[in-house]
Amino acid sequence: LDIDKMSFKEECPSCGTDLHVCIYCRLYDE
């Protein structure tokens, strides 16, 4: 991904997956 700052509605251009989600965040902790 060639993204510097991720927007709230950012999606992967290839598969369409939402990218700005909790499970993909460094702060996510079960």
All heavy atoms as atom14 arrays in JSON, in Angstrom:
{
  "sequence": "LDIDKMSFKEECPSCGTDLHVCIYCRLYDE",
  "atom14_mask": [
    [1, 1, 1, 1, 1, 1, 1, 1, 0, 0, 0, 0, 0, 0],
    [1, 1, 1, 1, 1, 1, 1, 1, 0, 0, 0, 0, 0, 0],
    [1, 1, 1, 1, 1, 1, 1, 1, 0, 0, 0, 0, 0, 0],
    [1, 1, 1, 1, 1, 1, 1, 1, 0, 0, 0, 0, 0, 0],
    [1, 1, 1, 1, 1, 1, 1, 1, 1, 0, 0, 0, 0, 0],
    [1, 1, 1, 1, 1, 1, 1, 1, 0, 0, 0, 0, 0, 0],
    [1, 1, 1, 1, 1, 1, 0, 0, 0, 0, 0, 0, 0, 0],
    [1, 1, 1, 1, 1, 1, 1, 1, 1, 1, 1, 0, 0, 0],
    [1, 1, 1, 1, 1, 1, 1, 1, 1, 0, 0, 0, 0, 0],
    [1, 1, 1, 1, 1, 1, 1, 1, 1, 0, 0, 0, 0, 0],
    [1, 1, 1, 1, 1, 1, 1, 1, 1, 0, 0, 0, 0, 0],
    [1, 1, 1, 1, 1, 1, 0, 0, 0, 0, 0, 0, 0, 0],
    [1, 1, 1, 1, 1, 1, 1, 0, 0, 0, 0, 0, 0, 0],
    [1, 1, 1, 1, 1, 1, 0, 0, 0, 0, 0, 0, 0, 0],
    [1, 1, 1, 1, 1, 1, 0, 0, 0, 0, 0, 0, 0, 0],
    [1, 1, 1, 1, 0, 0, 0, 0, 0, 0, 0, 0, 0, 0],
    [1, 1, 1, 1, 1, 1, 1, 0, 0, 0, 0, 0, 0, 0],
    [1, 1, 1, 1, 1, 1, 1, 1, 0, 0, 0, 0, 0, 0],
    [1, 1, 1, 1, 1, 1, 1, 1, 0, 0, 0, 0, 0, 0],
    [1, 1, 1, 1, 1, 1, 1, 1, 1, 1, 0, 0, 0, 0],
    [1, 1, 1, 1, 1, 1, 1, 0, 0, 0, 0, 0, 0, 0],
    [1, 1, 1, 1, 1, 1, 0, 0, 0, 0, 0, 0, 0, 0],
    [1, 1, 1, 1, 1, 1, 1, 1, 0, 0, 0, 0, 0, 0],
    [1, 1, 1, 1, 1, 1, 1, 1, 1, 1, 1, 1, 0, 0],
    [1, 1, 1, 1, 1, 1, 0, 0, 0, 0, 0, 0, 0, 0],
    [1, 1, 1, 1, 1, 1, 1, 1, 1, 1, 1, 0, 0, 0],
    [1, 1, 1, 1, 1, 1, 1, 1, 0, 0, 0, 0, 0, 0],
    [1, 1, 1, 1, 1, 1, 1, 1, 1, 1, 1, 1, 0, 0],
    [1, 1, 1, 1, 1, 1, 1, 1, 0, 0, 0, 0, 0, 0],
    [1, 1, 1, 1, 1, 1, 1, 1, 1, 0, 0, 0, 0, 0]
  ],
  "atom14_positions": [
    [[0.84, -1.19, 0.0], [0.0, 0.0, 0.0], [0.88, 1.24, 0.0], [1.79, 1.36, 0.81], [-0.89, 0.02, 1.24], [-1.81, -1.17, 1.45], [-2.44, -1.12, 2.82], [-2.88, -1.19, 0.36], [0.0, 0.0, 0.0], [0.0, 0.0, 0.0], [0.0, 0.0, 0.0], [0.0, 0.0, 0.0], [0.0, 0.0, 0.0], [0.0, 0.0, 0.0]],
    [[0.6, 2.16, -0.9], [1.34, 3.42, -0.97], [0.47, 4.5, -0.31], [-0.11, 5.34, -0.97], [1.64, 3.77, -2.42], [2.57, 4.96, -2.53], [3.3, 5.24, -1.55], [2.55, 5.61, -3.59], [0.0, 0.0, 0.0], [0.0, 0.0, 0.0], [0.0, 0.0, 0.0], [0.0, 0.0, 0.0], [0.0, 0.0, 0.0], [0.0, 0.0, 0.0]],
    [[0.38, 4.43, 1.04], [-0.47, 5.34, 1.8], [0.38, 5.98, 2.9], [0.97, 5.28, 3.71], [-1.65, 4.57, 2.46], [-2.5, 3.89, 1.39], [-2.49, 5.52, 3.29], [-3.53, 2.94, 1.96], [0.0, 0.0, 0.0], [0.0, 0.0, 0.0], [0.0, 0.0, 0.0], [0.0, 0.0, 0.0], [0.0, 0.0, 0.0], [0.0, 0.0, 0.0]],
    [[0.43, 7.3, 2.91], [1.16, 8.0, 3.96], [0.29, 8.18, 5.2], [0.65, 7.78, 6.29], [1.65, 9.36, 3.47], [2.74, 9.23, 2.41], [3.51, 8.26, 2.48], [2.79, 10.09, 1.52], [0.0, 0.0, 0.0], [0.0, 0.0, 0.0], [0.0, 0.0, 0.0], [0.0, 0.0, 0.0], [0.0, 0.0, 0.0], [0.0, 0.0, 0.0]],
    [[-0.86, 8.79, 5.03], [-1.8, 9.01, 6.13], [-3.1, 8.31, 5.77], [-3.71, 8.61, 4.76], [-2.03, 10.49, 6.36], [-2.98, 10.76, 7.5], [-2.83, 12.17, 8.01], [-3.89, 12.55, 9.0], [-3.91, 11.79, 10.21], [0.0, 0.0, 0.0], [0.0, 0.0, 0.0], [0.0, 0.0, 0.0], [0.0, 0.0, 0.0], [0.0, 0.0, 0.0]],
    [[-3.51, 7.38, 6.61], [-4.68, 6.59, 6.32], [-5.96, 7.33, 6.73], [-6.09, 7.76, 7.86], [-4.59, 5.25, 7.06], [-5.57, 4.24, 6.55], [-5.3, 2.61, 7.24], [-3.68, 2.21, 6.66], [0.0, 0.0, 0.0], [0.0, 0.0, 0.0], [0.0, 0.0, 0.0], [0.0, 0.0, 0.0], [0.0, 0.0, 0.0], [0.0, 0.0, 0.0]],
    [[-6.89, 7.45, 5.8], [-8.17, 8.09, 6.1], [-9.09, 7.1, 6.8], [-8.84, 5.9, 6.83], [-8.82, 8.6, 4.81], [-9.31, 7.52, 4.05], [0.0, 0.0, 0.0], [0.0, 0.0, 0.0], [0.0, 0.0, 0.0], [0.0, 0.0, 0.0], [0.0, 0.0, 0.0], [0.0, 0.0, 0.0], [0.0, 0.0, 0.0], [0.0, 0.0, 0.0]],
    [[-10.18, 7.62, 7.35], [-11.13, 6.79, 8.09], [-11.8, 5.74, 7.2], [-12.16, 4.67, 7.67], [-12.21, 7.64, 8.75], [-11.69, 8.57, 9.8], [-11.89, 9.93, 9.7], [-10.99, 8.09, 10.89], [-11.41, 10.79, 10.67], [-10.51, 8.93, 11.87], [-10.72, 10.29, 11.76], [0.0, 0.0, 0.0], [0.0, 0.0, 0.0], [0.0, 0.0, 0.0]],
    [[-11.96, 6.04, 5.94], [-12.67, 5.14, 5.02], [-11.71, 4.45, 4.05], [-12.14, 3.97, 3.0], [-13.73, 5.91, 4.24], [-14.86, 6.4, 5.09], [-15.71, 5.24, 5.55], [-16.92, 5.72, 6.32], [-17.74, 4.63, 6.78], [0.0, 0.0, 0.0], [0.0, 0.0, 0.0], [0.0, 0.0, 0.0], [0.0, 0.0, 0.0], [0.0, 0.0, 0.0]],
    [[-10.44, 4.36, 4.4], [-9.43, 3.77, 3.51], [-9.73, 2.28, 3.28], [-10.05, 1.55, 4.2], [-8.05, 3.92, 4.13], [-6.93, 3.75, 3.15], [-6.79, 4.96, 2.25], [-6.72, 6.07, 2.76], [-6.75, 4.75, 1.03], [0.0, 0.0, 0.0], [0.0, 0.0, 0.0], [0.0, 0.0, 0.0], [0.0, 0.0, 0.0], [0.0, 0.0, 0.0]],
    [[-9.62, 1.88, 2.02], [-9.81, 0.47, 1.63], [-8.61, 0.01, 0.82], [-7.94, 0.8, 0.16], [-11.06, 0.31, 0.76], [-12.36, 0.55, 1.48], [-13.56, 0.31, 0.58], [-13.38, 0.13, -0.65], [-14.68, 0.32, 1.1], [0.0, 0.0, 0.0], [0.0, 0.0, 0.0], [0.0, 0.0, 0.0], [0.0, 0.0, 0.0], [0.0, 0.0, 0.0]],
    [[-8.36, -1.3, 0.86], [-7.31, -1.87, 0.03], [-7.75, -1.78, -1.43], [-8.86, -2.2, -1.77], [-7.08, -3.34, 0.42], [-5.93, -4.2, -0.66], [0.0, 0.0, 0.0], [0.0, 0.0, 0.0], [0.0, 0.0, 0.0], [0.0, 0.0, 0.0], [0.0, 0.0, 0.0], [0.0, 0.0, 0.0], [0.0, 0.0, 0.0], [0.0, 0.0, 0.0]],
    [[-6.9, -1.25, -2.31], [-7.28, -1.14, -3.72], [-7.39, -2.51, -4.41], [-8.05, -2.64, -5.42], [-6.16, -0.32, -4.34], [-5.01, -0.45, -3.41], [-5.58, -0.7, -2.05], [0.0, 0.0, 0.0], [0.0, 0.0, 0.0], [0.0, 0.0, 0.0], [0.0, 0.0, 0.0], [0.0, 0.0, 0.0], [0.0, 0.0, 0.0], [0.0, 0.0, 0.0]],
    [[-6.8, -3.53, -3.83], [-6.81, -4.85, -4.44], [-8.02, -5.69, -4.0], [-8.74, -6.22, -4.83], [-5.53, -5.58, -4.09], [-5.53, -6.87, -4.65], [0.0, 0.0, 0.0], [0.0, 0.0, 0.0], [0.0, 0.0, 0.0], [0.0, 0.0, 0.0], [0.0, 0.0, 0.0], [0.0, 0.0, 0.0], [0.0, 0.0, 0.0], [0.0, 0.0, 0.0]],
    [[-8.26, -5.78, -2.68], [-9.32, -6.67, -2.19], [-10.52, -5.94, -1.58], [-11.52, -6.56, -1.26], [-8.76, -7.69, -1.19], [-8.23, -6.98, 0.37], [0.0, 0.0, 0.0], [0.0, 0.0, 0.0], [0.0, 0.0, 0.0], [0.0, 0.0, 0.0], [0.0, 0.0, 0.0], [0.0, 0.0, 0.0], [0.0, 0.0, 0.0], [0.0, 0.0, 0.0]],
    [[-10.41, -4.62, -1.39], [-11.52, -3.84, -0.87], [-11.72, -3.91, 0.64], [-12.7, -3.4, 1.16], [0.0, 0.0, 0.0], [0.0, 0.0, 0.0], [0.0, 0.0, 0.0], [0.0, 0.0, 0.0], [0.0, 0.0, 0.0], [0.0, 0.0, 0.0], [0.0, 0.0, 0.0], [0.0, 0.0, 0.0], [0.0, 0.0, 0.0], [0.0, 0.0, 0.0]],
    [[-10.78, -4.51, 1.36], [-10.88, -4.62, 2.81], [-10.73, -3.25, 3.47], [-9.88, -2.47, 3.08], [-9.76, -5.55, 3.34], [-9.94, -6.84, 2.81], [-9.75, -5.61, 4.85], [0.0, 0.0, 0.0], [0.0, 0.0, 0.0], [0.0, 0.0, 0.0], [0.0, 0.0, 0.0], [0.0, 0.0, 0.0], [0.0, 0.0, 0.0], [0.0, 0.0, 0.0]],
    [[-11.59, -2.97, 4.47], [-11.43, -1.75, 5.26], [-10.09, -1.82, 5.96], [-9.73, -2.86, 6.53], [-12.54, -1.63, 6.31], [-13.9, -1.35, 5.71], [-13.96, -0.76, 4.61], [-14.9, -1.72, 6.34], [0.0, 0.0, 0.0], [0.0, 0.0, 0.0], [0.0, 0.0, 0.0], [0.0, 0.0, 0.0], [0.0, 0.0, 0.0], [0.0, 0.0, 0.0]],
    [[-9.33, -0.73, 5.96], [-8.0, -0.72, 6.58], [-7.97, 0.02, 7.91], [-7.13, -0.25, 8.75], [-6.98, -0.11, 5.62], [-6.78, -0.87, 4.31], [-5.86, -0.09, 3.39], [-6.23, -2.26, 4.58], [0.0, 0.0, 0.0], [0.0, 0.0, 0.0], [0.0, 0.0, 0.0], [0.0, 0.0, 0.0], [0.0, 0.0, 0.0], [0.0, 0.0, 0.0]],
    [[-8.86, 0.97, 8.11], [-8.9, 1.76, 9.35], [-9.84, 1.06, 10.33], [-10.94, 1.53, 10.63], [-9.37, 3.19, 9.04], [-9.14, 4.15, 10.15], [-9.94, 4.2, 11.26], [-8.19, 5.09, 10.32], [-9.51, 5.15, 12.06], [-8.43, 5.71, 11.51], [0.0, 0.0, 0.0], [0.0, 0.0, 0.0], [0.0, 0.0, 0.0], [0.0, 0.0, 0.0]],
    [[-9.42, -0.1, 10.83], [-10.24, -0.91, 11.74], [-9.41, -1.29, 12.96], [-8.18, -1.35, 12.9], [-10.78, -2.19, 11.06], [-11.65, -1.85, 9.88], [-9.68, -3.11, 10.63], [0.0, 0.0, 0.0], [0.0, 0.0, 0.0], [0.0, 0.0, 0.0], [0.0, 0.0, 0.0], [0.0, 0.0, 0.0], [0.0, 0.0, 0.0], [0.0, 0.0, 0.0]],
    [[-10.08, -1.54, 14.07], [-9.39, -1.83, 15.33], [-8.42, -3.0, 15.24], [-7.31, -2.93, 15.74], [-10.41, -2.12, 16.43], [-11.4, -0.69, 16.9], [0.0, 0.0, 0.0], [0.0, 0.0, 0.0], [0.0, 0.0, 0.0], [0.0, 0.0, 0.0], [0.0, 0.0, 0.0], [0.0, 0.0, 0.0], [0.0, 0.0, 0.0], [0.0, 0.0, 0.0]],
    [[-8.84, -4.09, 14.6], [-8.0, -5.28, 14.6], [-6.71, -5.1, 13.81], [-5.79, -5.9, 13.93], [-8.75, -6.54, 14.12], [-9.27, -6.36, 12.7], [-9.86, -6.89, 15.09], [-9.9, -7.62, 12.11], [0.0, 0.0, 0.0], [0.0, 0.0, 0.0], [0.0, 0.0, 0.0], [0.0, 0.0, 0.0], [0.0, 0.0, 0.0], [0.0, 0.0, 0.0]],
    [[-6.6, -4.02, 13.02], [-5.38, -3.74, 12.28], [-4.58, -2.61, 12.92], [-3.65, -2.08, 12.33], [-5.68, -3.38, 10.83], [-6.37, -4.46, 10.05], [-7.24, -4.16, 9.01], [-6.18, -5.81, 10.34], [-7.88, -5.14, 8.28], [-6.83, -6.79, 9.63], [-7.67, -6.45, 8.6], [-8.31, -7.44, 7.88], [0.0, 0.0, 0.0], [0.0, 0.0, 0.0]],
    [[-4.94, -2.22, 14.14], [-4.29, -1.11, 14.83], [-3.23, -1.62, 15.81], [-3.41, -2.67, 16.45], [-5.35, -0.31, 15.59], [-4.7, 1.08, 16.53], [0.0, 0.0, 0.0], [0.0, 0.0, 0.0], [0.0, 0.0, 0.0], [0.0, 0.0, 0.0], [0.0, 0.0, 0.0], [0.0, 0.0, 0.0], [0.0, 0.0, 0.0], [0.0, 0.0, 0.0]],
    [[-2.16, -0.87, 15.98], [-1.1, -1.22, 16.94], [-1.6, -1.19, 18.38], [-1.03, -1.84, 19.24], [0.07, -0.26, 16.8], [0.86, -0.45, 15.57], [2.03, 0.49, 15.54], [2.7, 0.34, 14.26], [3.66, 1.11, 13.84], [4.08, 2.11, 14.59], [4.22, 0.91, 12.67], [0.0, 0.0, 0.0], [0.0, 0.0, 0.0], [0.0, 0.0, 0.0]],
    [[-2.63, -0.44, 18.64], [-3.15, -0.3, 20.01], [-4.17, -1.39, 20.36], [-4.58, -1.5, 21.51], [-3.8, 1.08, 20.19], [-2.86, 2.26, 19.99], [-3.63, 3.56, 20.02], [-1.76, 2.25, 21.03], [0.0, 0.0, 0.0], [0.0, 0.0, 0.0], [0.0, 0.0, 0.0], [0.0, 0.0, 0.0], [0.0, 0.0, 0.0], [0.0, 0.0, 0.0]],
    [[-4.58, -2.21, 19.41], [-5.56, -3.26, 19.65], [-4.96, -4.3, 20.6], [-3.85, -4.79, 20.38], [-5.96, -3.93, 18.34], [-7.01, -5.01, 18.5], [-8.32, -4.68, 18.76], [-6.67, -6.34, 18.37], [-9.29, -5.65, 18.9], [-7.64, -7.32, 18.51], [-8.94, -6.98, 18.77], [-9.89, -7.95, 18.91], [0.0, 0.0, 0.0], [0.0, 0.0, 0.0]],
    [[-5.69, -4.62, 21.66], [-5.2, -5.57, 22.67], [-6.38, -6.27, 23.3], [-7.19, -5.64, 23.98], [-4.39, -4.82, 23.73], [-3.7, -5.72, 24.73], [-4.07, -6.91, 24.83], [-2.78, -5.24, 25.41], [0.0, 0.0, 0.0], [0.0, 0.0, 0.0], [0.0, 0.0, 0.0], [0.0, 0.0, 0.0], [0.0, 0.0, 0.0], [0.0, 0.0, 0.0]],
    [[-6.5, -7.56, 23.08], [-7.62, -8.36, 23.61], [-7.73, -8.28, 25.13], [-8.8, -8.42, 25.68], [-7.47, -9.83, 23.19], [-7.73, -10.1, 21.74], [-9.2, -10.15, 21.4], [-10.04, -10.39, 22.28], [-9.51, -9.94, 20.22], [0.0, 0.0, 0.0], [0.0, 0.0, 0.0], [0.0, 0.0, 0.0], [0.0, 0.0, 0.0], [0.0, 0.0, 0.0]]
  ]
}
